[in-house]
Amino acid sequence: MSTSAPIRVQTASLTGMALGIGAYSLFALHDAMVKGVIMTVPAPQILFVRSAVILLLCLLIGRSSVVTGLWQSRNRWLILGRGLMTLAAWVMYYSAGRSLQLAEMTTLYYFAPVLTTVLAVIFLHERLTLARVGGAAIGLFGVMVAANPAGFTLDWPVLLVLAAALCWAIAMILMRTISKSESTLVQVFAQNLIHFLAMGAIALPFWHGMDARQLGLCVMAGLVGGLGQYILVESARQVPASVLGTVEYGALIWSFIFGFLFWGELPQANVYVGALLVVAAGLTLAISERRPGRGMTAAP
């Protein structure tokens, strides 16, 4: 019995990390779809349509149980806080997408895992292992390299992305807390209900007509983003927030692939070097967390 327990714990953590990588890979595809319409459609309108699609999916799957679950939840204020944080993060992030390449935008945004690691120690009292500190440090250094400090200026698009990273880190901490007692579907439904109402109030009075391509990309972003959100919450049940945040680095490569395929973007050499460093941070953490007894988290 004593030898089997570490194996069960290890498997749970690796599964959670794999789910996290899958979720962030879907988010990279989602971001590429949004970037495809962000120059012609306002960000609030994109988020409104995307949230409407996800809400419809949640209601089709969970029916009245998701509404009842949210109404009866004891974590309504935490759910509201998380919804507002993710809303602020995405509005700022996609607004910056008008001025930054996808790879640049994503790499800067990956300052969030460093913040998540720090906040997880402060508020969730998670154990700060050497591997987690090292992974966060390597990732931070990679972001600094990608930002090209020699010619780096803190203009408004960069500041928006960094502010979005802070909001996302806070949302990650809230998600980890809420996931202990709320179903995944209720969390996804609640978050997108907040986005739907807030963005509807902004977008509907100033609605821009959309052609079939623009509407199709927004709908597809809702389908892909909704699946990513669901998988991310499931991942948060199995790994600490500090680990899940660093796993986020592993999906960075997709931003380069999608940026090149869809818009022919070729970032400067420093962005590639920074991206390799942040991927290395994720791999370092994955290898360390795979060892029995190194901060593994059992499946719920």
C-alpha atoms as a PDB file:
ATOM      1  CA  MET A   1       0.000   0.000   0.000  1.00  0.00           C
ATOM      2  CA  SER A   2       2.794   2.399   0.804  1.00  0.00           C
ATOM      3  CA  THR A   3       4.310   2.123  -2.687  1.00  0.00           C
ATOM      4  CA  SER A   4       1.095   2.511  -4.665  1.00  0.00           C
ATOM      5  CA  ALA A   5      -0.045   5.851  -3.211  1.00  0.00           C
ATOM      6  CA  PRO A   6       2.726   7.980  -4.792  1.00  0.00           C
ATOM      7  CA  ILE A   7       1.906   6.462  -8.204  1.00  0.00           C
ATOM      8  CA  ARG A   8      -1.776   7.430  -7.950  1.00  0.00           C
ATOM      9  CA  VAL A   9      -0.846  10.950  -6.877  1.00  0.00           C
ATOM     10  CA  GLN A  10       1.700  11.298  -9.674  1.00  0.00           C
ATOM     11  CA  THR A  11      -0.800  10.212 -12.329  1.00  0.00           C
ATOM     12  CA  ALA A  12      -3.363  12.710 -11.133  1.00  0.00           C
ATOM     13  CA  SER A  13      -0.893  15.581 -11.365  1.00  0.00           C
ATOM     14  CA  LEU A  14       0.381  14.630 -14.816  1.00  0.00           C
ATOM     15  CA  THR A  15      -3.186  14.330 -16.067  1.00  0.00           C
ATOM     16  CA  GLY A  16      -3.927  17.779 -14.706  1.00  0.00           C
ATOM     17  CA  MET A  17      -0.836  19.237 -16.353  1.00  0.00           C
ATOM     18  CA  ALA A  18      -1.775  17.608 -19.677  1.00  0.00           C
ATOM     19  CA  LEU A  19      -5.274  19.094 -19.400  1.00  0.00           C
ATOM     20  CA  GLY A  20      -3.724  22.479 -18.697  1.00  0.00           C
ATOM     21  CA  ILE A  21      -1.527  22.306 -21.795  1.00  0.00           C
ATOM     22  CA  GLY A  22      -4.554  21.252 -23.850  1.00  0.00           C
ATOM     23  CA  ALA A  23      -6.612  24.153 -22.508  1.00  0.00           C
ATOM     24  CA  TYR A  24      -3.963  26.748 -23.256  1.00  0.00           C
ATOM     25  CA  SER A  25      -3.423  25.275 -26.726  1.00  0.00           C
ATOM     26  CA  LEU A  26      -7.134  25.782 -27.392  1.00  0.00           C
ATOM     27  CA  PHE A  27      -6.844  29.336 -26.062  1.00  0.00           C
ATOM     28  CA  ALA A  28      -4.022  29.974 -28.555  1.00  0.00           C
ATOM     29  CA  LEU A  29      -6.311  28.891 -31.407  1.00  0.00           C
ATOM     30  CA  HIS A  30      -9.096  30.976 -29.865  1.00  0.00           C
ATOM     31  CA  ASP A  31      -6.803  34.029 -29.748  1.00  0.00           C
ATOM     32  CA  ALA A  32      -5.870  33.551 -33.393  1.00  0.00           C
ATOM     33  CA  MET A  33      -9.565  33.547 -34.349  1.00  0.00           C
ATOM     34  CA  VAL A  34     -10.196  36.704 -32.327  1.00  0.00           C
ATOM     35  CA  LYS A  35      -7.176  38.433 -33.828  1.00  0.00           C
ATOM     36  CA  GLY A  36      -8.646  37.642 -37.237  1.00  0.00           C
ATOM     37  CA  VAL A  37     -11.564  40.015 -36.571  1.00  0.00           C
ATOM     38  CA  ILE A  38     -10.221  42.398 -33.937  1.00  0.00           C
ATOM     39  CA  MET A  39      -9.196  44.997 -36.549  1.00  0.00           C
ATOM     40  CA  THR A  40     -12.744  45.319 -37.876  1.00  0.00           C
ATOM     41  CA  VAL A  41     -14.985  44.343 -34.951  1.00  0.00           C
ATOM     42  CA  PRO A  42     -14.791  45.960 -31.471  1.00  0.00           C
ATOM     43  CA  ALA A  43     -13.482  43.703 -28.695  1.00  0.00           C
ATOM     44  CA  PRO A  44     -16.670  44.017 -26.558  1.00  0.00           C
ATOM     45  CA  GLN A  45     -18.801  42.844 -29.484  1.00  0.00           C
ATOM     46  CA  ILE A  46     -16.526  39.840 -30.099  1.00  0.00           C
ATOM     47  CA  LEU A  47     -16.660  38.858 -26.432  1.00  0.00           C
ATOM     48  CA  PHE A  48     -20.446  39.315 -26.393  1.00  0.00           C
ATOM     49  CA  VAL A  49     -20.985  36.920 -29.317  1.00  0.00           C
ATOM     50  CA  ARG A  50     -18.435  34.438 -27.973  1.00  0.00           C
ATOM     51  CA  SER A  51     -20.032  34.453 -24.522  1.00  0.00           C
ATOM     52  CA  ALA A  52     -23.493  33.975 -26.027  1.00  0.00           C
ATOM     53  CA  VAL A  53     -22.280  30.846 -27.822  1.00  0.00           C
ATOM     54  CA  ILE A  54     -20.754  29.407 -24.638  1.00  0.00           C
ATOM     55  CA  LEU A  55     -23.877  30.185 -22.604  1.00  0.00           C
ATOM     56  CA  LEU A  56     -26.013  28.384 -25.149  1.00  0.00           C
ATOM     57  CA  LEU A  57     -23.738  25.344 -24.976  1.00  0.00           C
ATOM     58  CA  CYS A  58     -23.870  25.291 -21.165  1.00  0.00           C
ATOM     59  CA  LEU A  59     -27.674  25.456 -21.199  1.00  0.00           C
ATOM     60  CA  LEU A  60     -27.922  22.724 -23.828  1.00  0.00           C
ATOM     61  CA  ILE A  61     -25.690  20.434 -21.761  1.00  0.00           C
ATOM     62  CA  GLY A  62     -26.740  21.260 -18.200  1.00  0.00           C
ATOM     63  CA  ARG A  63     -30.214  22.696 -18.805  1.00  0.00           C
ATOM     64  CA  SER A  64     -31.793  24.183 -15.686  1.00  0.00           C
ATOM     65  CA  SER A  65     -29.234  22.575 -13.350  1.00  0.00           C
ATOM     66  CA  VAL A  66     -26.557  25.137 -14.236  1.00  0.00           C
ATOM     67  CA  VAL A  67     -28.890  28.014 -13.396  1.00  0.00           C
ATOM     68  CA  THR A  68     -29.980  26.348 -10.152  1.00  0.00           C
ATOM     69  CA  GLY A  69     -26.393  25.524  -9.266  1.00  0.00           C
ATOM     70  CA  LEU A  70     -25.302  29.127  -9.707  1.00  0.00           C
ATOM     71  CA  TRP A  71     -28.294  30.484  -7.795  1.00  0.00           C
ATOM     72  CA  GLN A  72     -27.655  28.175  -4.841  1.00  0.00           C
ATOM     73  CA  SER A  73     -23.888  28.614  -4.821  1.00  0.00           C
ATOM     74  CA  ARG A  74     -22.205  29.882  -1.660  1.00  0.00           C
ATOM     75  CA  ASN A  75     -19.346  31.232  -3.762  1.00  0.00           C
ATOM     76  CA  ARG A  76     -21.293  33.798  -5.727  1.00  0.00           C
ATOM     77  CA  TRP A  77     -18.989  36.661  -4.778  1.00  0.00           C
ATOM     78  CA  LEU A  78     -15.862  34.689  -5.667  1.00  0.00           C
ATOM     79  CA  ILE A  79     -17.477  33.670  -8.953  1.00  0.00           C
ATOM     80  CA  LEU A  80     -18.360  37.307  -9.653  1.00  0.00           C
ATOM     81  CA  GLY A  81     -14.806  38.381  -8.847  1.00  0.00           C
ATOM     82  CA  ARG A  82     -13.309  35.777 -11.147  1.00  0.00           C
ATOM     83  CA  GLY A  83     -15.696  36.719 -13.945  1.00  0.00           C
ATOM     84  CA  LEU A  84     -14.770  40.392 -13.666  1.00  0.00           C
ATOM     85  CA  MET A  85     -11.040  39.613 -13.572  1.00  0.00           C
ATOM     86  CA  THR A  86     -11.159  37.438 -16.686  1.00  0.00           C
ATOM     87  CA  LEU A  87     -13.358  40.000 -18.405  1.00  0.00           C
ATOM     88  CA  ALA A  88     -10.876  42.787 -17.695  1.00  0.00           C
ATOM     89  CA  ALA A  89      -7.978  40.570 -18.789  1.00  0.00           C
ATOM     90  CA  TRP A  90      -9.537  39.629 -22.117  1.00  0.00           C
ATOM     91  CA  VAL A  91     -10.738  43.132 -22.999  1.00  0.00           C
ATOM     92  CA  MET A  92      -7.275  44.592 -22.408  1.00  0.00           C
ATOM     93  CA  TYR A  93      -5.522  41.660 -24.093  1.00  0.00           C
ATOM     94  CA  TYR A  94      -7.582  41.760 -27.265  1.00  0.00           C
ATOM     95  CA  SER A  95      -7.463  45.546 -27.444  1.00  0.00           C
ATOM     96  CA  ALA A  96      -3.658  45.291 -27.494  1.00  0.00           C
ATOM     97  CA  GLY A  97      -3.982  42.799 -30.355  1.00  0.00           C
ATOM     98  CA  ARG A  98      -4.583  45.688 -32.735  1.00  0.00           C
ATOM     99  CA  SER A  99      -0.970  46.809 -32.306  1.00  0.00           C
ATOM    100  CA  LEU A 100       1.082  43.703 -31.432  1.00  0.00           C
ATOM    101  CA  GLN A 101       1.928  40.521 -33.298  1.00  0.00           C
ATOM    102  CA  LEU A 102       0.290  37.384 -31.911  1.00  0.00           C
ATOM    103  CA  ALA A 103       3.633  35.941 -30.749  1.00  0.00           C
ATOM    104  CA  GLU A 104       4.673  39.206 -29.082  1.00  0.00           C
ATOM    105  CA  MET A 105       1.309  39.598 -27.389  1.00  0.00           C
ATOM    106  CA  THR A 106       1.231  36.018 -26.096  1.00  0.00           C
ATOM    107  CA  THR A 107       4.825  36.066 -24.843  1.00  0.00           C
ATOM    108  CA  LEU A 108       4.261  39.258 -22.855  1.00  0.00           C
ATOM    109  CA  TYR A 109       1.023  37.857 -21.493  1.00  0.00           C
ATOM    110  CA  TYR A 110       2.944  34.895 -20.123  1.00  0.00           C
ATOM    111  CA  PHE A 111       4.123  37.063 -17.271  1.00  0.00           C
ATOM    112  CA  ALA A 112       0.867  35.827 -15.679  1.00  0.00           C
ATOM    113  CA  PRO A 113       2.293  32.439 -14.524  1.00  0.00           C
ATOM    114  CA  VAL A 114       4.962  34.226 -12.497  1.00  0.00           C
ATOM    115  CA  LEU A 115       2.296  36.314 -10.782  1.00  0.00           C
ATOM    116  CA  THR A 116       0.144  33.225 -10.260  1.00  0.00           C
ATOM    117  CA  THR A 117       2.996  31.424  -8.511  1.00  0.00           C
ATOM    118  CA  VAL A 118       3.534  34.335  -6.135  1.00  0.00           C
ATOM    119  CA  LEU A 119      -0.171  34.799  -5.392  1.00  0.00           C
ATOM    120  CA  ALA A 120      -0.671  31.055  -4.867  1.00  0.00           C
ATOM    121  CA  VAL A 121       1.945  31.050  -2.125  1.00  0.00           C
ATOM    122  CA  ILE A 122       0.486  34.134  -0.445  1.00  0.00           C
ATOM    123  CA  PHE A 123      -3.233  33.354  -0.617  1.00  0.00           C
ATOM    124  CA  LEU A 124      -3.473  29.580  -1.099  1.00  0.00           C
ATOM    125  CA  HIS A 125      -0.415  28.672   1.008  1.00  0.00           C
ATOM    126  CA  GLU A 126       0.874  26.370  -1.715  1.00  0.00           C
ATOM    127  CA  ARG A 127       4.318  24.889  -1.226  1.00  0.00           C
ATOM    128  CA  LEU A 128       7.048  26.864  -2.975  1.00  0.00           C
ATOM    129  CA  THR A 129       9.417  24.199  -4.361  1.00  0.00           C
ATOM    130  CA  LEU A 130      12.731  24.890  -6.063  1.00  0.00           C
ATOM    131  CA  ALA A 131      11.343  23.605  -9.379  1.00  0.00           C
ATOM    132  CA  ARG A 132       8.366  25.957  -9.224  1.00  0.00           C
ATOM    133  CA  VAL A 133      10.557  28.938  -8.405  1.00  0.00           C
ATOM    134  CA  GLY A 134      13.018  27.938 -11.127  1.00  0.00           C
ATOM    135  CA  GLY A 135      10.283  27.451 -13.710  1.00  0.00           C
ATOM    136  CA  ALA A 136       8.766  30.833 -12.923  1.00  0.00           C
ATOM    137  CA  ALA A 137      12.194  32.524 -13.002  1.00  0.00           C
ATOM    138  CA  ILE A 138      13.130  30.998 -16.374  1.00  0.00           C
ATOM    139  CA  GLY A 139       9.751  31.977 -17.766  1.00  0.00           C
ATOM    140  CA  LEU A 140      10.106  35.547 -16.520  1.00  0.00           C
ATOM    141  CA  PHE A 141      13.564  35.822 -18.054  1.00  0.00           C
ATOM    142  CA  GLY A 142      12.158  34.525 -21.332  1.00  0.00           C
ATOM    143  CA  VAL A 143       9.468  37.202 -21.298  1.00  0.00           C
ATOM    144  CA  MET A 144      12.115  39.866 -20.668  1.00  0.00           C
ATOM    145  CA  VAL A 145      14.199  38.596 -23.601  1.00  0.00           C
ATOM    146  CA  ALA A 146      11.158  38.506 -25.868  1.00  0.00           C
ATOM    147  CA  ALA A 147      10.290  42.060 -24.887  1.00  0.00           C
ATOM    148  CA  ASN A 148      13.725  43.190 -26.130  1.00  0.00           C
ATOM    149  CA  PRO A 149      14.711  45.420 -23.169  1.00  0.00           C
ATOM    150  CA  ALA A 150      17.381  47.198 -25.252  1.00  0.00           C
ATOM    151  CA  GLY A 151      14.721  48.764 -27.471  1.00  0.00           C
ATOM    152  CA  PHE A 152      11.749  48.228 -25.214  1.00  0.00           C
ATOM    153  CA  THR A 153       9.249  50.987 -24.553  1.00  0.00           C
ATOM    154  CA  LEU A 154       6.303  50.759 -22.193  1.00  0.00           C
ATOM    155  CA  ASP A 155       3.709  51.985 -24.647  1.00  0.00           C
ATOM    156  CA  TRP A 156      -0.007  51.418 -24.105  1.00  0.00           C
ATOM    157  CA  PRO A 157      -0.333  48.035 -25.895  1.00  0.00           C
ATOM    158  CA  VAL A 158       2.435  46.543 -23.742  1.00  0.00           C
ATOM    159  CA  LEU A 159       0.970  48.000 -20.562  1.00  0.00           C
ATOM    160  CA  LEU A 160      -2.444  46.607 -21.481  1.00  0.00           C
ATOM    161  CA  VAL A 161      -1.024  43.104 -21.907  1.00  0.00           C
ATOM    162  CA  LEU A 162       0.870  43.259 -18.602  1.00  0.00           C
ATOM    163  CA  ALA A 163      -2.235  44.528 -16.792  1.00  0.00           C
ATOM    164  CA  ALA A 164      -4.203  41.711 -18.401  1.00  0.00           C
ATOM    165  CA  ALA A 165      -1.612  39.245 -17.079  1.00  0.00           C
ATOM    166  CA  LEU A 166      -2.168  40.511 -13.529  1.00  0.00           C
ATOM    167  CA  CYS A 167      -5.944  40.165 -13.828  1.00  0.00           C
ATOM    168  CA  TRP A 168      -5.573  36.647 -15.230  1.00  0.00           C
ATOM    169  CA  ALA A 169      -3.283  35.625 -12.372  1.00  0.00           C
ATOM    170  CA  ILE A 170      -5.867  36.786  -9.827  1.00  0.00           C
ATOM    171  CA  ALA A 171      -8.572  34.905 -11.740  1.00  0.00           C
ATOM    172  CA  MET A 172      -6.455  31.743 -11.596  1.00  0.00           C
ATOM    173  CA  ILE A 173      -6.250  31.958  -7.811  1.00  0.00           C
ATOM    174  CA  LEU A 174     -10.003  32.458  -7.539  1.00  0.00           C
ATOM    175  CA  MET A 175     -10.638  29.551  -9.922  1.00  0.00           C
ATOM    176  CA  ARG A 176      -8.488  27.214  -7.841  1.00  0.00           C
ATOM    177  CA  THR A 177     -10.486  28.189  -4.746  1.00  0.00           C
ATOM    178  CA  ILE A 178     -13.900  27.895  -6.393  1.00  0.00           C
ATOM    179  CA  SER A 179     -13.089  24.563  -8.056  1.00  0.00           C
ATOM    180  CA  LYS A 180     -13.015  22.840  -4.682  1.00  0.00           C
ATOM    181  CA  SER A 181     -16.776  23.121  -4.301  1.00  0.00           C
ATOM    182  CA  GLU A 182     -18.395  24.157  -7.607  1.00  0.00           C
ATOM    183  CA  SER A 183     -19.054  22.067 -10.707  1.00  0.00           C
ATOM    184  CA  THR A 184     -17.088  22.876 -13.849  1.00  0.00           C
ATOM    185  CA  LEU A 185     -20.178  23.612 -15.935  1.00  0.00           C
ATOM    186  CA  VAL A 186     -21.534  26.062 -13.354  1.00  0.00           C
ATOM    187  CA  GLN A 187     -18.219  27.916 -13.312  1.00  0.00           C
ATOM    188  CA  VAL A 188     -18.057  28.193 -17.094  1.00  0.00           C
ATOM    189  CA  PHE A 189     -21.717  29.274 -17.250  1.00  0.00           C
ATOM    190  CA  ALA A 190     -21.295  31.903 -14.520  1.00  0.00           C
ATOM    191  CA  GLN A 191     -18.160  33.410 -16.027  1.00  0.00           C
ATOM    192  CA  ASN A 192     -19.696  33.794 -19.455  1.00  0.00           C
ATOM    193  CA  LEU A 193     -22.974  35.099 -18.061  1.00  0.00           C
ATOM    194  CA  ILE A 194     -21.022  37.964 -16.499  1.00  0.00           C
ATOM    195  CA  HIS A 195     -19.196  38.595 -19.780  1.00  0.00           C
ATOM    196  CA  PHE A 196     -22.443  38.400 -21.766  1.00  0.00           C
ATOM    197  CA  LEU A 197     -24.228  40.974 -19.607  1.00  0.00           C
ATOM    198  CA  ALA A 198     -21.300  43.381 -19.304  1.00  0.00           C
ATOM    199  CA  MET A 199     -20.294  43.261 -22.961  1.00  0.00           C
ATOM    200  CA  GLY A 200     -23.901  43.387 -24.112  1.00  0.00           C
ATOM    201  CA  ALA A 201     -24.409  46.668 -22.264  1.00  0.00           C
ATOM    202  CA  ILE A 202     -21.404  48.103 -24.110  1.00  0.00           C
ATOM    203  CA  ALA A 203     -21.699  46.475 -27.521  1.00  0.00           C
ATOM    204  CA  LEU A 204     -25.419  46.485 -28.293  1.00  0.00           C
ATOM    205  CA  PRO A 205     -25.935  50.285 -28.377  1.00  0.00           C
ATOM    206  CA  PHE A 206     -22.994  50.633 -30.804  1.00  0.00           C
ATOM    207  CA  TRP A 207     -23.402  47.414 -32.757  1.00  0.00           C
ATOM    208  CA  HIS A 208     -21.278  46.978 -35.886  1.00  0.00           C
ATOM    209  CA  GLY A 209     -22.656  44.885 -38.703  1.00  0.00           C
ATOM    210  CA  MET A 210     -20.714  41.655 -39.287  1.00  0.00           C
ATOM    211  CA  ASP A 211     -20.325  39.660 -42.460  1.00  0.00           C
ATOM    212  CA  ALA A 212     -20.444  35.850 -42.575  1.00  0.00           C
ATOM    213  CA  ARG A 213     -16.688  35.494 -42.078  1.00  0.00           C
ATOM    214  CA  GLN A 214     -16.577  37.751 -39.008  1.00  0.00           C
ATOM    215  CA  LEU A 215     -19.609  36.116 -37.412  1.00  0.00           C
ATOM    216  CA  GLY A 216     -18.254  32.651 -38.191  1.00  0.00           C
ATOM    217  CA  LEU A 217     -14.912  33.399 -36.528  1.00  0.00           C
ATOM    218  CA  CYS A 218     -16.674  34.765 -33.422  1.00  0.00           C
ATOM    219  CA  VAL A 219     -18.880  31.669 -33.193  1.00  0.00           C
ATOM    220  CA  MET A 220     -15.899  29.354 -33.670  1.00  0.00           C
ATOM    221  CA  ALA A 221     -14.017  31.306 -31.001  1.00  0.00           C
ATOM    222  CA  GLY A 222     -16.938  30.631 -28.669  1.00  0.00           C
ATOM    223  CA  LEU A 223     -16.868  26.896 -29.360  1.00  0.00           C
ATOM    224  CA  VAL A 224     -13.096  26.592 -28.981  1.00  0.00           C
ATOM    225  CA  GLY A 225     -12.921  29.012 -26.040  1.00  0.00           C
ATOM    226  CA  GLY A 226     -15.751  27.288 -24.201  1.00  0.00           C
ATOM    227  CA  LEU A 227     -14.032  23.919 -24.502  1.00  0.00           C
ATOM    228  CA  GLY A 228     -10.768  25.482 -23.331  1.00  0.00           C
ATOM    229  CA  GLN A 229     -12.462  27.018 -20.295  1.00  0.00           C
ATOM    230  CA  TYR A 230     -14.041  23.694 -19.337  1.00  0.00           C
ATOM    231  CA  ILE A 231     -10.754  21.802 -19.606  1.00  0.00           C
ATOM    232  CA  LEU A 232      -8.906  24.513 -17.666  1.00  0.00           C
ATOM    233  CA  VAL A 233     -11.300  24.274 -14.706  1.00  0.00           C
ATOM    234  CA  GLU A 234     -10.950  20.488 -14.734  1.00  0.00           C
ATOM    235  CA  SER A 235      -7.178  20.916 -14.702  1.00  0.00           C
ATOM    236  CA  ALA A 236      -7.408  23.283 -11.716  1.00  0.00           C
ATOM    237  CA  ARG A 237      -8.985  20.477  -9.700  1.00  0.00           C
ATOM    238  CA  GLN A 238      -5.891  18.315 -10.071  1.00  0.00           C
ATOM    239  CA  VAL A 239      -2.853  20.592  -9.880  1.00  0.00           C
ATOM    240  CA  PRO A 240      -1.887  23.576  -7.702  1.00  0.00           C
ATOM    241  CA  ALA A 241      -2.343  27.043  -9.164  1.00  0.00           C
ATOM    242  CA  SER A 242       1.428  27.605  -9.195  1.00  0.00           C
ATOM    243  CA  VAL A 243       1.941  24.492 -11.341  1.00  0.00           C
ATOM    244  CA  LEU A 244      -0.994  25.189 -13.635  1.00  0.00           C
ATOM    245  CA  GLY A 245       0.234  28.728 -14.224  1.00  0.00           C
ATOM    246  CA  THR A 246       3.676  27.550 -15.308  1.00  0.00           C
ATOM    247  CA  VAL A 247       2.175  24.847 -17.556  1.00  0.00           C
ATOM    248  CA  GLU A 248       0.718  27.773 -19.487  1.00  0.00           C
ATOM    249  CA  TYR A 249       4.158  28.338 -20.991  1.00  0.00           C
ATOM    250  CA  GLY A 250       3.935  25.057 -22.907  1.00  0.00           C
ATOM    251  CA  ALA A 251       1.307  26.356 -25.332  1.00  0.00           C
ATOM    252  CA  LEU A 252       3.350  29.397 -26.408  1.00  0.00           C
ATOM    253  CA  ILE A 253       4.617  27.687 -29.546  1.00  0.00           C
ATOM    254  CA  TRP A 254       1.094  27.734 -31.020  1.00  0.00           C
ATOM    255  CA  SER A 255       1.086  31.526 -31.119  1.00  0.00           C
ATOM    256  CA  PHE A 256       4.084  31.425 -33.458  1.00  0.00           C
ATOM    257  CA  ILE A 257       2.521  28.767 -35.672  1.00  0.00           C
ATOM    258  CA  PHE A 258      -0.863  30.486 -35.937  1.00  0.00           C
ATOM    259  CA  GLY A 259       0.714  33.918 -36.376  1.00  0.00           C
ATOM    260  CA  PHE A 260       2.758  32.669 -39.316  1.00  0.00           C
ATOM    261  CA  LEU A 261       0.012  30.558 -40.913  1.00  0.00           C
ATOM    262  CA  PHE A 262      -2.754  33.167 -40.726  1.00  0.00           C
ATOM    263  CA  TRP A 263      -0.904  36.487 -41.117  1.00  0.00           C
ATOM    264  CA  GLY A 264       2.632  35.610 -42.212  1.00  0.00           C
ATOM    265  CA  GLU A 265       4.037  37.125 -39.013  1.00  0.00           C
ATOM    266  CA  LEU A 266       7.775  36.613 -38.507  1.00  0.00           C
ATOM    267  CA  PRO A 267       8.812  37.872 -35.030  1.00  0.00           C
ATOM    268  CA  GLN A 268      12.318  39.129 -34.394  1.00  0.00           C
ATOM    269  CA  ALA A 269      15.005  36.722 -33.192  1.00  0.00           C
ATOM    270  CA  ASN A 270      14.710  37.814 -29.552  1.00  0.00           C
ATOM    271  CA  VAL A 271      11.056  36.732 -29.480  1.00  0.00           C
ATOM    272  CA  TYR A 272      12.033  33.221 -30.602  1.00  0.00           C
ATOM    273  CA  VAL A 273      14.743  33.029 -27.933  1.00  0.00           C
ATOM    274  CA  GLY A 274      12.313  34.214 -25.268  1.00  0.00           C
ATOM    275  CA  ALA A 275       9.713  31.712 -26.389  1.00  0.00           C
ATOM    276  CA  LEU A 276      12.231  28.857 -26.168  1.00  0.00           C
ATOM    277  CA  LEU A 277      13.049  29.916 -22.621  1.00  0.00           C
ATOM    278  CA  VAL A 278       9.420  29.958 -21.502  1.00  0.00           C
ATOM    279  CA  VAL A 279       8.850  26.533 -23.081  1.00  0.00           C
ATOM    280  CA  ALA A 280      11.944  25.301 -21.247  1.00  0.00           C
ATOM    281  CA  ALA A 281      10.405  26.597 -18.020  1.00  0.00           C
ATOM    282  CA  GLY A 282       7.336  24.449 -18.570  1.00  0.00           C
ATOM    283  CA  LEU A 283       9.385  21.365 -19.449  1.00  0.00           C
ATOM    284  CA  THR A 284      11.569  21.822 -16.366  1.00  0.00           C
ATOM    285  CA  LEU A 285       8.520  21.932 -14.148  1.00  0.00           C
ATOM    286  CA  ALA A 286       6.895  18.941 -15.845  1.00  0.00           C
ATOM    287  CA  ILE A 287       9.992  16.798 -15.358  1.00  0.00           C
ATOM    288  CA  SER A 288      10.326  17.796 -11.726  1.00  0.00           C
ATOM    289  CA  GLU A 289       6.629  17.355 -10.899  1.00  0.00           C
ATOM    290  CA  ARG A 290       6.707  13.874 -12.448  1.00  0.00           C
ATOM    291  CA  ARG A 291       8.911  12.626  -9.627  1.00  0.00           C
ATOM    292  CA  PRO A 292       6.964  11.058  -6.746  1.00  0.00           C
ATOM    293  CA  GLY A 293       6.688  13.281  -3.703  1.00  0.00           C
ATOM    294  CA  ARG A 294       7.442  16.516  -5.547  1.00  0.00           C
ATOM    295  CA  GLY A 295       4.295  18.507  -4.855  1.00  0.00           C
ATOM    296  CA  MET A 296       1.881  16.078  -6.475  1.00  0.00           C
ATOM    297  CA  THR A 297      -1.798  16.620  -5.992  1.00  0.00           C
ATOM    298  CA  ALA A 298      -4.224  13.742  -5.724  1.00  0.00           C
ATOM    299  CA  ALA A 299      -7.292  13.594  -7.886  1.00  0.00           C
ATOM    300  CA  PRO A 300     -10.452  14.751  -6.104  1.00  0.00           C
END
